[in-house]
PDB file of N, CA and C in Angstrom:
ATOM      1  N   MET A   1      43.158  89.282  36.489  1.00  0.00           N
ATOM      2  CA  MET A   1      44.102  90.513  36.368  1.00  0.00           C
ATOM      3  C   MET A   1      45.225  90.225  35.784  1.00  0.00           C
ATOM      4  N   TYR A   2      46.408  89.598  36.515  1.00  0.00           N
ATOM      5  CA  TYR A   2      47.243  88.959  36.089  1.00  0.00           C
ATOM      6  C   TYR A   2      47.484  87.328  35.526  1.00  0.00           C
ATOM      7  N   ASN A   3      47.946  87.215  34.763  1.00  0.00           N
ATOM      8  CA  ASN A   3      47.795  86.164  34.101  1.00  0.00           C
ATOM      9  C   ASN A   3      49.107  85.297  34.831  1.00  0.00           C
ATOM     10  N   VAL A   4      49.099  83.659  35.064  1.00  0.00           N
ATOM     11  CA  VAL A   4      50.608  83.119  35.570  1.00  0.00           C
ATOM     12  C   VAL A   4      51.387  82.930  34.251  1.00  0.00           C
ATOM     13  N   GLY A   5      52.265  83.475  34.325  1.00  0.00           N
ATOM     14  CA  GLY A   5      53.366  83.233  33.375  1.00  0.00           C
ATOM     15  C   GLY A   5      53.726  84.460  32.398  1.00  0.00           C
ATOM     16  N   GLU A   6      53.392  85.589  32.674  1.00  0.00           N
ATOM     17  CA  GLU A   6      52.906  86.845  32.493  1.00  0.00           C
ATOM     18  C   GLU A   6      54.388  87.874  33.641  1.00  0.00           C
ATOM     19  N   MET A   7      55.096  88.626  32.535  1.00  0.00           N
ATOM     20  CA  MET A   7      56.190  88.818  33.011  1.00  0.00           C
ATOM     21  C   MET A   7      55.487  90.656  33.679  1.00  0.00           C
ATOM     22  N   ILE A   8      55.802  91.120  34.815  1.00  0.00           N
ATOM     23  CA  ILE A   8      55.292  92.549  35.237  1.00  0.00           C
ATOM     24  C   ILE A   8      56.210  93.768  34.763  1.00  0.00           C
ATOM     25  N   VAL A   9      55.966  94.335  33.871  1.00  0.00           N
ATOM     26  CA  VAL A   9      56.826  95.687  33.632  1.00  0.00           C
ATOM     27  C   VAL A   9      55.876  96.986  34.053  1.00  0.00           C
ATOM     28  N   ARG A  10      56.803  97.521  34.912  1.00  0.00           N
ATOM     29  CA  ARG A  10      56.634  98.671  35.561  1.00  0.00           C
ATOM     30  C   ARG A  10      57.271  99.645  34.933  1.00  0.00           C
ATOM     31  N   VAL A  11      56.314 100.926  35.148  1.00  0.00           N
ATOM     32  CA  VAL A  11      56.441 102.248  34.520  1.00  0.00           C
ATOM     33  C   VAL A  11      56.712 103.327  35.310  1.00  0.00           C
ATOM     34  N   ASP A  12      57.850 104.004  34.930  1.00  0.00           N
ATOM     35  CA  ASP A  12      58.131 105.013  36.175  1.00  0.00           C
ATOM     36  C   ASP A  12      57.056 106.479  35.378  1.00  0.00           C
ATOM     37  N   ALA A  13      56.095 106.433  35.973  1.00  0.00           N
ATOM     38  CA  ALA A  13      55.303 107.728  35.617  1.00  0.00           C
ATOM     39  C   ALA A  13      54.132 108.081  36.759  1.00  0.00           C
ATOM     40  N   ASN A  14      53.436 109.217  36.468  1.00  0.00           N
ATOM     41  CA  ASN A  14      52.456 109.253  37.119  1.00  0.00           C
ATOM     42  C   ASN A  14      51.638 110.154  36.429  1.00  0.00           C
ATOM     43  N   VAL A  15      50.554 109.276  36.159  1.00  0.00           N
ATOM     44  CA  VAL A  15      49.344 109.798  35.356  1.00  0.00           C
ATOM     45  C   VAL A  15      47.823 109.907  36.336  1.00  0.00           C
ATOM     46  N   GLN A  16      47.709 111.125  36.016  1.00  0.00           N
ATOM     47  CA  GLN A  16      46.631 111.812  36.650  1.00  0.00           C
ATOM     48  C   GLN A  16      45.468 111.549  35.934  1.00  0.00           C
ATOM     49  N   TRP A  17      44.479 110.634  36.621  1.00  0.00           N
ATOM     50  CA  TRP A  17      42.782 110.590  36.329  1.00  0.00           C
ATOM     51  C   TRP A  17      42.010 111.401  37.319  1.00  0.00           C
ATOM     52  N   GLN A  18      41.047 111.926  36.416  1.00  0.00           N
ATOM     53  CA  GLN A  18      39.893 112.593  36.965  1.00  0.00           C
ATOM     54  C   GLN A  18      39.003 111.931  37.354  1.00  0.00           C
ATOM     55  N   VAL A  19      38.086 110.980  38.539  1.00  0.00           N
ATOM     56  CA  VAL A  19      36.977 110.213  38.686  1.00  0.00           C
ATOM     57  C   VAL A  19      36.431 110.844  39.206  1.00  0.00           C
ATOM     58  N   ALA A  20      35.105 110.525  38.863  1.00  0.00           N
ATOM     59  CA  ALA A  20      33.601 111.043  39.370  1.00  0.00           C
ATOM     60  C   ALA A  20      32.769 109.803  39.411  1.00  0.00           C
ATOM     61  N   ALA A  21      31.691 110.354  40.489  1.00  0.00           N
ATOM     62  CA  ALA A  21      30.748 109.167  40.580  1.00  0.00           C
ATOM     63  C   ALA A  21      29.404 110.177  39.794  1.00  0.00           C
ATOM     64  N   HIS A  22      28.545 109.212  39.070  1.00  0.00           N
ATOM     65  CA  HIS A  22      27.531 109.689  38.168  1.00  0.00           C
ATOM     66  C   HIS A  22      26.501 108.945  39.013  1.00  0.00           C
ATOM     67  N   GLN A  23      24.992 108.870  38.727  1.00  0.00           N
ATOM     68  CA  GLN A  23      23.967 108.243  39.062  1.00  0.00           C
ATOM     69  C   GLN A  23      24.311 107.275  38.597  1.00  0.00           C
ATOM     70  N   TYR A  24      24.249 105.766  38.535  1.00  0.00           N
ATOM     71  CA  TYR A  24      24.927 104.709  38.298  1.00  0.00           C
ATOM     72  C   TYR A  24      26.354 104.006  37.512  1.00  0.00           C
ATOM     73  N   SER A  25      27.008 105.010  37.712  1.00  0.00           N
ATOM     74  CA  SER A  25      28.364 104.567  37.522  1.00  0.00           C
ATOM     75  C   SER A  25      29.361 105.495  37.797  1.00  0.00           C
ATOM     76  N   TRP A  26      30.884 105.121  37.805  1.00  0.00           N
ATOM     77  CA  TRP A  26      32.007 105.741  38.228  1.00  0.00           C
ATOM     78  C   TRP A  26      32.547 106.025  36.765  1.00  0.00           C
ATOM     79  N   VAL A  27      33.450 107.232  36.368  1.00  0.00           N
ATOM     80  CA  VAL A  27      33.596 107.933  35.432  1.00  0.00           C
ATOM     81  C   VAL A  27      35.183 108.098  35.279  1.00  0.00           C
ATOM     82  N   GLY A  28      36.030 108.001  34.651  1.00  0.00           N
ATOM     83  CA  GLY A  28      37.547 108.163  34.971  1.00  0.00           C
ATOM     84  C   GLY A  28      37.829 108.797  33.709  1.00  0.00           C
ATOM     85  N   VAL A  29      38.601 110.121  33.635  1.00  0.00           N
ATOM     86  CA  VAL A  29      39.250 110.970  32.520  1.00  0.00           C
ATOM     87  C   VAL A  29      40.804 110.990  32.594  1.00  0.00           C
ATOM     88  N   CYS A  30      41.307 110.852  31.646  1.00  0.00           N
ATOM     89  CA  CYS A  30      42.797 110.939  31.734  1.00  0.00           C
ATOM     90  C   CYS A  30      42.822 112.144  30.284  1.00  0.00           C
ATOM     91  N   GLU A  31      42.825 113.599  30.741  1.00  0.00           N
ATOM     92  CA  GLU A  31      43.041 114.440  29.440  1.00  0.00           C
ATOM     93  C   GLU A  31      44.615 114.138  29.047  1.00  0.00           C
ATOM     94  N   PRO A  32      45.729 113.621  29.768  1.00  0.00           N
ATOM     95  CA  PRO A  32      46.925 113.987  29.115  1.00  0.00           C
ATOM     96  C   PRO A  32      47.070 112.811  27.836  1.00  0.00           C
ATOM     97  N   LEU A  33      46.343 111.772  28.026  1.00  0.00           N
ATOM     98  CA  LEU A  33      46.393 110.466  27.182  1.00  0.00           C
ATOM     99  C   LEU A  33      44.673 110.348  26.530  1.00  0.00           C
ATOM    100  N   LYS A  34      44.151 111.146  26.547  1.00  0.00           N
ATOM    101  CA  LYS A  34      42.889 111.559  25.971  1.00  0.00           C
ATOM    102  C   LYS A  34      41.987 109.902  26.257  1.00  0.00           C
ATOM    103  N   LEU A  35      41.863 109.775  27.453  1.00  0.00           N
ATOM    104  CA  LEU A  35      41.034 108.288  27.813  1.00  0.00           C
ATOM    105  C   LEU A  35      39.986 108.748  28.532  1.00  0.00           C
ATOM    106  N   THR A  36      38.693 107.853  28.603  1.00  0.00           N
ATOM    107  CA  THR A  36      37.929 107.381  29.352  1.00  0.00           C
ATOM    108  C   THR A  36      37.496 106.148  29.781  1.00  0.00           C
ATOM    109  N   VAL A  37      37.098 106.045  30.695  1.00  0.00           N
ATOM    110  CA  VAL A  37      36.795 104.579  31.022  1.00  0.00           C
ATOM    111  C   VAL A  37      35.664 104.801  32.350  1.00  0.00           C
ATOM    112  N   GLU A  38      34.860 103.706  32.237  1.00  0.00           N
ATOM    113  CA  GLU A  38      33.538 103.693  32.572  1.00  0.00           C
ATOM    114  C   GLU A  38      32.985 102.539  33.430  1.00  0.00           C
ATOM    115  N   ALA A  39      32.925 102.247  34.959  1.00  0.00           N
ATOM    116  CA  ALA A  39      32.800 101.101  35.448  1.00  0.00           C
ATOM    117  C   ALA A  39      31.305 101.530  36.260  1.00  0.00           C
ATOM    118  N   ASP A  40      30.808 100.192  37.060  1.00  0.00           N
ATOM    119  CA  ASP A  40      29.891 100.666  37.892  1.00  0.00           C
ATOM    120  C   ASP A  40      30.360 100.991  39.373  1.00  0.00           C
ATOM    121  N   THR A  41      31.403 100.385  39.505  1.00  0.00           N
ATOM    122  CA  THR A  41      31.782 100.572  41.272  1.00  0.00           C
ATOM    123  C   THR A  41      33.072 101.295  41.057  1.00  0.00           C
ATOM    124  N   TYR A  42      33.633 101.899  42.450  1.00  0.00           N
ATOM    125  CA  TYR A  42      34.912 102.695  42.392  1.00  0.00           C
ATOM    126  C   TYR A  42      36.072 101.282  42.368  1.00  0.00           C
ATOM    127  N   GLY A  43      35.953 100.644  42.783  1.00  0.00           N
ATOM    128  CA  GLY A  43      36.817  99.397  42.895  1.00  0.00           C
ATOM    129  C   GLY A  43      37.362  98.730  41.310  1.00  0.00           C
ATOM    130  N   GLU A  44      35.865  98.525  40.105  1.00  0.00           N
ATOM    131  CA  GLU A  44      35.987  98.140  39.252  1.00  0.00           C
ATOM    132  C   GLU A  44      36.331  99.519  38.257  1.00  0.00           C
ATOM    133  N   LEU A  45      36.316 100.566  38.602  1.00  0.00           N
ATOM    134  CA  LEU A  45      36.863 101.828  37.877  1.00  0.00           C
ATOM    135  C   LEU A  45      38.228 101.702  38.301  1.00  0.00           C
ATOM    136  N   MET A  46      38.757 101.439  38.781  1.00  0.00           N
ATOM    137  CA  MET A  46      40.559 101.235  39.527  1.00  0.00           C
ATOM    138  C   MET A  46      41.160 100.643  38.538  1.00  0.00           C
ATOM    139  N   GLU A  47      40.034  99.271  38.861  1.00  0.00           N
ATOM    140  CA  GLU A  47      40.538  97.990  37.670  1.00  0.00           C
ATOM    141  C   GLU A  47      40.811  98.527  36.368  1.00  0.00           C
ATOM    142  N   SER A  48      39.708  98.779  35.606  1.00  0.00           N
ATOM    143  CA  SER A  48      39.547  99.349  34.525  1.00  0.00           C
ATOM    144  C   SER A  48      41.029 100.264  33.651  1.00  0.00           C
ATOM    145  N   ILE A  49      41.074 101.197  34.791  1.00  0.00           N
ATOM    146  CA  ILE A  49      41.836 102.091  34.294  1.00  0.00           C
ATOM    147  C   ILE A  49      43.604 101.643  33.916  1.00  0.00           C
ATOM    148  N   SER A  50      43.390 100.239  35.436  1.00  0.00           N
ATOM    149  CA  SER A  50      44.747 100.259  34.878  1.00  0.00           C
ATOM    150  C   SER A  50      45.017  98.994  33.774  1.00  0.00           C
ATOM    151  N   GLU A  51      43.863  98.378  33.706  1.00  0.00           N
ATOM    152  CA  GLU A  51      43.775  97.326  32.380  1.00  0.00           C
ATOM    153  C   GLU A  51      43.914  98.587  30.899  1.00  0.00           C
ATOM    154  N   THR A  52      43.247  99.242  31.221  1.00  0.00           N
ATOM    155  CA  THR A  52      43.401 100.403  30.006  1.00  0.00           C
ATOM    156  C   THR A  52      44.710 100.741  29.701  1.00  0.00           C
ATOM    157  N   LEU A  53      45.306 100.864  30.583  1.00  0.00           N
ATOM    158  CA  LEU A  53      46.595 101.632  30.769  1.00  0.00           C
ATOM    159  C   LEU A  53      47.592 100.596  30.014  1.00  0.00           C
ATOM    160  N   ASP A  54      47.360  99.657  30.168  1.00  0.00           N
ATOM    161  CA  ASP A  54      48.289  98.129  29.987  1.00  0.00           C
ATOM    162  C   ASP A  54      47.916  97.989  28.238  1.00  0.00           C
ATOM    163  N   ALA A  55      46.452  98.007  28.075  1.00  0.00           N
ATOM    164  CA  ALA A  55      46.353  97.666  26.868  1.00  0.00           C
ATOM    165  C   ALA A  55      46.776  98.523  26.145  1.00  0.00           C
ATOM    166  N   VAL A  56      46.919  99.973  26.756  1.00  0.00           N
ATOM    167  CA  VAL A  56      47.845 100.903  25.520  1.00  0.00           C
ATOM    168  C   VAL A  56      48.800 100.795  25.149  1.00  0.00           C
ATOM    169  N   LEU A  57      49.694 100.475  26.200  1.00  0.00           N
ATOM    170  CA  LEU A  57      51.406 100.223  26.219  1.00  0.00           C
ATOM    171  C   LEU A  57      51.379  99.000  25.362  1.00  0.00           C
ATOM    172  N   SER A  58      50.753  98.401  25.760  1.00  0.00           N
ATOM    173  CA  SER A  58      50.905  96.661  24.825  1.00  0.00           C
ATOM    174  C   SER A  58      50.350  97.119  23.497  1.00  0.00           C
ATOM    175  N   ASP A  59      49.489  97.639  23.055  1.00  0.00           N
ATOM    176  CA  ASP A  59      49.482  98.095  21.505  1.00  0.00           C
ATOM    177  C   ASP A  59      50.788  98.953  21.311  1.00  0.00           C
ATOM    178  N   LEU A  60      51.303  99.808  21.851  1.00  0.00           N
ATOM    179  CA  LEU A  60      52.292 100.741  21.452  1.00  0.00           C
ATOM    180  C   LEU A  60      53.453  99.762  21.398  1.00  0.00           C
ATOM    181  N   LEU A  61      53.373  98.718  21.999  1.00  0.00           N
ATOM    182  CA  LEU A  61      54.871  97.511  22.275  1.00  0.00           C
ATOM    183  C   LEU A  61      54.983  97.033  20.462  1.00  0.00           C
ATOM    184  N   LYS A  62      53.595  96.552  20.309  1.00  0.00           N
ATOM    185  CA  LYS A  62      53.021  95.740  19.160  1.00  0.00           C
ATOM    186  C   LYS A  62      53.393  96.049  18.245  1.00  0.00           C
ATOM    187  N   SER A  63      53.464  97.696  17.838  1.00  0.00           N
ATOM    188  CA  SER A  63      53.340  98.721  16.908  1.00  0.00           C
ATOM    189  C   SER A  63      54.868  99.594  16.915  1.00  0.00           C
ATOM    190  N   ASN A  64      55.850  98.781  17.695  1.00  0.00           N
ATOM    191  CA  ASN A  64      56.962  99.335  17.960  1.00  0.00           C
ATOM    192  C   ASN A  64      57.193 101.113  18.049  1.00  0.00           C
ATOM    193  N   GLU A  65      56.028 101.738  18.384  1.00  0.00           N
ATOM    194  CA  GLU A  65      55.957 102.624  19.338  1.00  0.00           C
ATOM    195  C   GLU A  65      56.377 103.018  20.451  1.00  0.00           C
ATOM    196  N   LEU A  66      56.613 102.351  21.342  1.00  0.00           N
ATOM    197  CA  LEU A  66      56.592 102.490  22.999  1.00  0.00           C
ATOM    198  C   LEU A  66      57.953 103.252  23.340  1.00  0.00           C
ATOM    199  N   PRO A  67      58.939 103.246  22.660  1.00  0.00           N
ATOM    200  CA  PRO A  67      60.187 103.634  23.067  1.00  0.00           C
ATOM    201  C   PRO A  67      59.887 105.340  22.927  1.00  0.00           C
ATOM    202  N   LEU A  68      59.228 105.753  21.293  1.00  0.00           N
ATOM    203  CA  LEU A  68      58.884 107.172  21.154  1.00  0.00           C
ATOM    204  C   LEU A  68      57.733 107.913  22.438  1.00  0.00           C
ATOM    205  N   PHE A  69      56.733 106.610  22.699  1.00  0.00           N
ATOM    206  CA  PHE A  69      55.912 107.704  23.401  1.00  0.00           C
ATOM    207  C   PHE A  69      56.031 107.546  24.716  1.00  0.00           C
ATOM    208  N   LEU A  70      56.885 106.750  25.517  1.00  0.00           N
ATOM    209  CA  LEU A  70      57.860 106.639  26.728  1.00  0.00           C
ATOM    210  C   LEU A  70      58.819 108.017  26.639  1.00  0.00           C
ATOM    211  N   LYS A  71      59.288 108.123  26.048  1.00  0.00           N
ATOM    212  CA  LYS A  71      60.477 109.394  25.425  1.00  0.00           C
ATOM    213  C   LYS A  71      59.291 110.591  25.646  1.00  0.00           C
ATOM    214  N   THR A  72      58.206 110.643  24.984  1.00  0.00           N
ATOM    215  CA  THR A  72      57.491 112.075  24.386  1.00  0.00           C
ATOM    216  C   THR A  72      57.013 112.453  25.862  1.00  0.00           C
ATOM    217  N   HIS A  73      56.583 111.509  27.429  1.00  0.00           N
ATOM    218  CA  HIS A  73      55.587 111.650  27.934  1.00  0.00           C
ATOM    219  C   HIS A  73      56.493 111.662  29.539  1.00  0.00           C
ATOM    220  N   GLY A  74      58.172 111.670  28.808  1.00  0.00           N
ATOM    221  CA  GLY A  74      58.665 111.500  30.069  1.00  0.00           C
ATOM    222  C   GLY A  74      58.799 110.322  31.026  1.00  0.00           C
ATOM    223  N   TRP A  75      58.277 109.362  30.534  1.00  0.00           N
ATOM    224  CA  TRP A  75      58.277 108.092  31.324  1.00  0.00           C
ATOM    225  C   TRP A  75      59.445 107.286  30.471  1.00  0.00           C
ATOM    226  N   THR A  76      59.776 106.455  32.012  1.00  0.00           N
ATOM    227  CA  THR A  76      60.775 105.262  31.790  1.00  0.00           C
ATOM    228  C   THR A  76      60.188 104.126  32.080  1.00  0.00           C
ATOM    229  N   LEU A  77      60.525 102.841  31.679  1.00  0.00           N
ATOM    230  CA  LEU A  77      60.551 101.486  32.302  1.00  0.00           C
ATOM    231  C   LEU A  77      61.637 100.927  33.224  1.00  0.00           C
ATOM    232  N   ALA A  78      60.990 100.765  34.187  1.00  0.00           N
ATOM    233  CA  ALA A  78      61.518 100.631  35.673  1.00  0.00           C
ATOM    234  C   ALA A  78      62.367  98.854  35.189  1.00  0.00           C
ATOM    235  N   THR A  79      61.571  98.463  34.529  1.00  0.00           N
ATOM    236  CA  THR A  79      61.662  96.895  34.639  1.00  0.00           C
ATOM    237  C   THR A  79      62.065  96.669  33.040  1.00  0.00           C
ATOM    238  N   PRO A  80      63.218  96.352  32.796  1.00  0.00           N
ATOM    239  CA  PRO A  80      63.682  95.709  31.419  1.00  0.00           C
ATOM    240  C   PRO A  80      62.097  94.929  30.788  1.00  0.00           C
ATOM    241  N   LEU A  81      62.013  94.922  29.195  1.00  0.00           N
ATOM    242  CA  LEU A  81      61.041  94.360  28.705  1.00  0.00           C
ATOM    243  C   LEU A  81      61.835  93.191  28.667  1.00  0.00           C
ATOM    244  N   PRO A  82      60.460  91.989  28.437  1.00  0.00           N
ATOM    245  CA  PRO A  82      61.209  90.309  28.520  1.00  0.00           C
ATOM    246  C   PRO A  82      61.315  90.352  26.864  1.00  0.00           C
ATOM    247  N   ALA A  83      62.323  88.830  26.766  1.00  0.00           N
ATOM    248  CA  ALA A  83      62.369  88.561  25.277  1.00  0.00           C
ATOM    249  C   ALA A  83      60.915  88.495  24.673  1.00  0.00           C
ATOM    250  N   LYS A  84      60.070  87.503  25.399  1.00  0.00           N
ATOM    251  CA  LYS A  84      58.877  87.438  24.717  1.00  0.00           C
ATOM    252  C   LYS A  84      57.866  88.494  25.049  1.00  0.00           C
ATOM    253  N   PRO A  85      57.851  90.028  24.061  1.00  0.00           N
ATOM    254  CA  PRO A  85      57.093  90.448  24.438  1.00  0.00           C
ATOM    255  C   PRO A  85      55.108  90.585  24.654  1.00  0.00           C
ATOM    256  N   GLU A  86      54.938  89.169  23.816  1.00  0.00           N
ATOM    257  CA  GLU A  86      53.636  89.134  24.104  1.00  0.00           C
ATOM    258  C   GLU A  86      53.193  88.572  25.613  1.00  0.00           C
ATOM    259  N   ASP A  87      54.046  88.045  26.688  1.00  0.00           N
ATOM    260  CA  ASP A  87      53.545  87.647  27.846  1.00  0.00           C
ATOM    261  C   ASP A  87      54.065  88.705  28.936  1.00  0.00           C
ATOM    262  N   VAL A  88      54.007  90.343  28.599  1.00  0.00           N
ATOM    263  CA  VAL A  88      53.836  91.452  29.264  1.00  0.00           C
ATOM    264  C   VAL A  88      52.681  91.986  29.574  1.00  0.00           C
ATOM    265  N   ARG A  89      52.830  92.335  31.446  1.00  0.00           N
ATOM    266  CA  ARG A  89      51.790  93.149  31.614  1.00  0.00           C
ATOM    267  C   ARG A  89      52.255  94.363  32.387  1.00  0.00           C
ATOM    268  N   PHE A  90      51.603  95.434  31.706  1.00  0.00           N
ATOM    269  CA  PHE A  90      52.570  96.905  32.166  1.00  0.00           C
ATOM    270  C   PHE A  90      51.540  97.353  33.689  1.00  0.00           C
ATOM    271  N   ASP A  91      52.440  97.736  34.202  1.00  0.00           N
ATOM    272  CA  ASP A  91      52.007  98.088  35.695  1.00  0.00           C
ATOM    273  C   ASP A  91      52.783  99.576  35.371  1.00  0.00           C
ATOM    274  N   VAL A  92      51.513 100.447  35.644  1.00  0.00           N
ATOM    275  CA  VAL A  92      51.374 101.950  35.316  1.00  0.00           C
ATOM    276  C   VAL A  92      51.097 102.707  36.763  1.00  0.00           C
ATOM    277  N   PRO A  93      51.907 103.642  37.169  1.00  0.00           N
ATOM    278  CA  PRO A  93      50.878 104.030  38.312  1.00  0.00           C
ATOM    279  C   PRO A  93      49.957 105.377  38.222  1.00  0.00           C
ATOM    280  N   PHE A  94      49.023 105.569  38.595  1.00  0.00           N
ATOM    281  CA  PHE A  94      48.292 106.316  38.188  1.00  0.00           C
ATOM    282  C   PHE A  94      47.749 106.945  39.636  1.00  0.00           C
ATOM    283  N   ILE A  95      47.041 108.731  39.690  1.00  0.00           N
ATOM    284  CA  ILE A  95      46.523 109.300  40.760  1.00  0.00           C
ATOM    285  C   ILE A  95      45.275 109.188  40.440  1.00  0.00           C
ATOM    286  N   PRO A  96      43.973 109.088  41.082  1.00  0.00           N
ATOM    287  CA  PRO A  96      42.722 109.262  41.168  1.00  0.00           C
ATOM    288  C   PRO A  96      42.535 110.341  41.705  1.00  0.00           C
ATOM    289  N   ALA A  97      41.918 111.594  40.975  1.00  0.00           N
ATOM    290  CA  ALA A  97      41.684 112.694  41.579  1.00  0.00           C
ATOM    291  C   ALA A  97      40.229 112.846  41.682  1.00  0.00           C
ATOM    292  N   MET A  98      39.374 112.920  42.378  1.00  0.00           N
ATOM    293  CA  MET A  98      37.995 112.952  42.505  1.00  0.00           C
ATOM    294  C   MET A  98      37.563 114.374  42.094  1.00  0.00           C
ATOM    295  N   ILE A  99      36.375 114.334  41.317  1.00  0.00           N
ATOM    296  CA  ILE A  99      35.680 115.865  40.746  1.00  0.00           C
ATOM    297  C   ILE A  99      34.147 115.509  41.439  1.00  0.00           C
ATOM    298  N   GLY A 100      34.093 116.975  41.807  1.00  0.00           N
ATOM    299  CA  GLY A 100      32.568 116.632  42.217  1.00  0.00           C
ATOM    300  C   GLY A 100      32.155 117.928  41.020  1.00  0.00           C
ATOM    301  N   ALA A 101      30.670 118.267  41.494  1.00  0.00           N
ATOM    302  CA  ALA A 101      30.075 118.917  40.868  1.00  0.00           C
ATOM    303  C   ALA A 101      30.751 120.543  40.672  1.00  0.00           C
ATOM    304  N   ASP A 102      31.409 120.945  41.485  1.00  0.00           N
ATOM    305  CA  ASP A 102      31.978 122.083  41.428  1.00  0.00           C
ATOM    306  C   ASP A 102      33.259 121.942  40.974  1.00  0.00           C
ATOM    307  N   GLY A 103      33.885 120.941  40.492  1.00  0.00           N
ATOM    308  CA  GLY A 103      35.106 120.979  39.998  1.00  0.00           C
ATOM    309  C   GLY A 103      36.020 119.855  40.885  1.00  0.00           C
ATOM    310  N   PRO A 104      37.592 120.047  40.834  1.00  0.00           N
ATOM    311  CA  PRO A 104      38.431 119.213  41.806  1.00  0.00           C
ATOM    312  C   PRO A 104      38.052 119.357  43.115  1.00  0.00           C
ATOM    313  N   GLN A 105      38.278 118.021  43.667  1.00  0.00           N
ATOM    314  CA  GLN A 105      37.641 117.573  45.551  1.00  0.00           C
ATOM    315  C   GLN A 105      39.208 117.608  46.071  1.00  0.00           C
ATOM    316  N   GLY A 106      39.964 116.854  45.540  1.00  0.00           N
ATOM    317  CA  GLY A 106      41.415 116.057  46.154  1.00  0.00           C
ATOM    318  C   GLY A 106      41.592 114.728  45.620  1.00  0.00           C
ATOM    319  N   VAL A 107      42.531 114.680  45.791  1.00  0.00           N
ATOM    320  CA  VAL A 107      43.732 113.257  45.179  1.00  0.00           C
ATOM    321  C   VAL A 107      43.046 112.430  46.412  1.00  0.00           C
ATOM    322  N   VAL A 108      42.887 111.172  45.793  1.00  0.00           N
ATOM    323  CA  VAL A 108      42.608 110.014  46.585  1.00  0.00           C
ATOM    324  C   VAL A 108      43.868 109.170  46.169  1.00  0.00           C
ATOM    325  N   PHE A 109      44.238 109.035  47.616  1.00  0.00           N
ATOM    326  CA  PHE A 109      45.606 107.673  47.368  1.00  0.00           C
ATOM    327  C   PHE A 109      45.410 106.829  47.379  1.00  0.00           C
ATOM    328  N   GLN A 110      45.849 105.402  46.555  1.00  0.00           N
ATOM    329  CA  GLN A 110      46.019 104.127  46.608  1.00  0.00           C
ATOM    330  C   GLN A 110      46.809 103.529  47.757  1.00  0.00           C
TER     331      GLN A 110
END
C-alpha cells in the first residue's frame, strides 16, 4: 500500500463511487472521473479505488496538469507537495455507494 519514504499528500475532495457485487467480483464506477475498477472482494475493491485515484493524480502531477485538474474539480491539497514529487502518494477520500439491481441502495461509510 504505502512505501517507506513516500510522502502522503492528502487531497480535500469527496469522490463518489458506485459499487456493486457481481457473480464473481466487485465493480466500482466513478462517473465524474470516468473510471471503472474491478476486484475479487469488497476490501480489494476499496484498495484498488485508492490506488487508481493515486495513479491518476500522480500522472497528472508528472504531466504538470495537476493544478488545473484540482481547480476544475474544486479540489485542494490539504498537504503541500514535497520537493521530490516522485516520492508522493496521494490520499483521496471517496464515498462508496452500493448499487443493487434496482439502482442506488445507500452509502457505505468507511
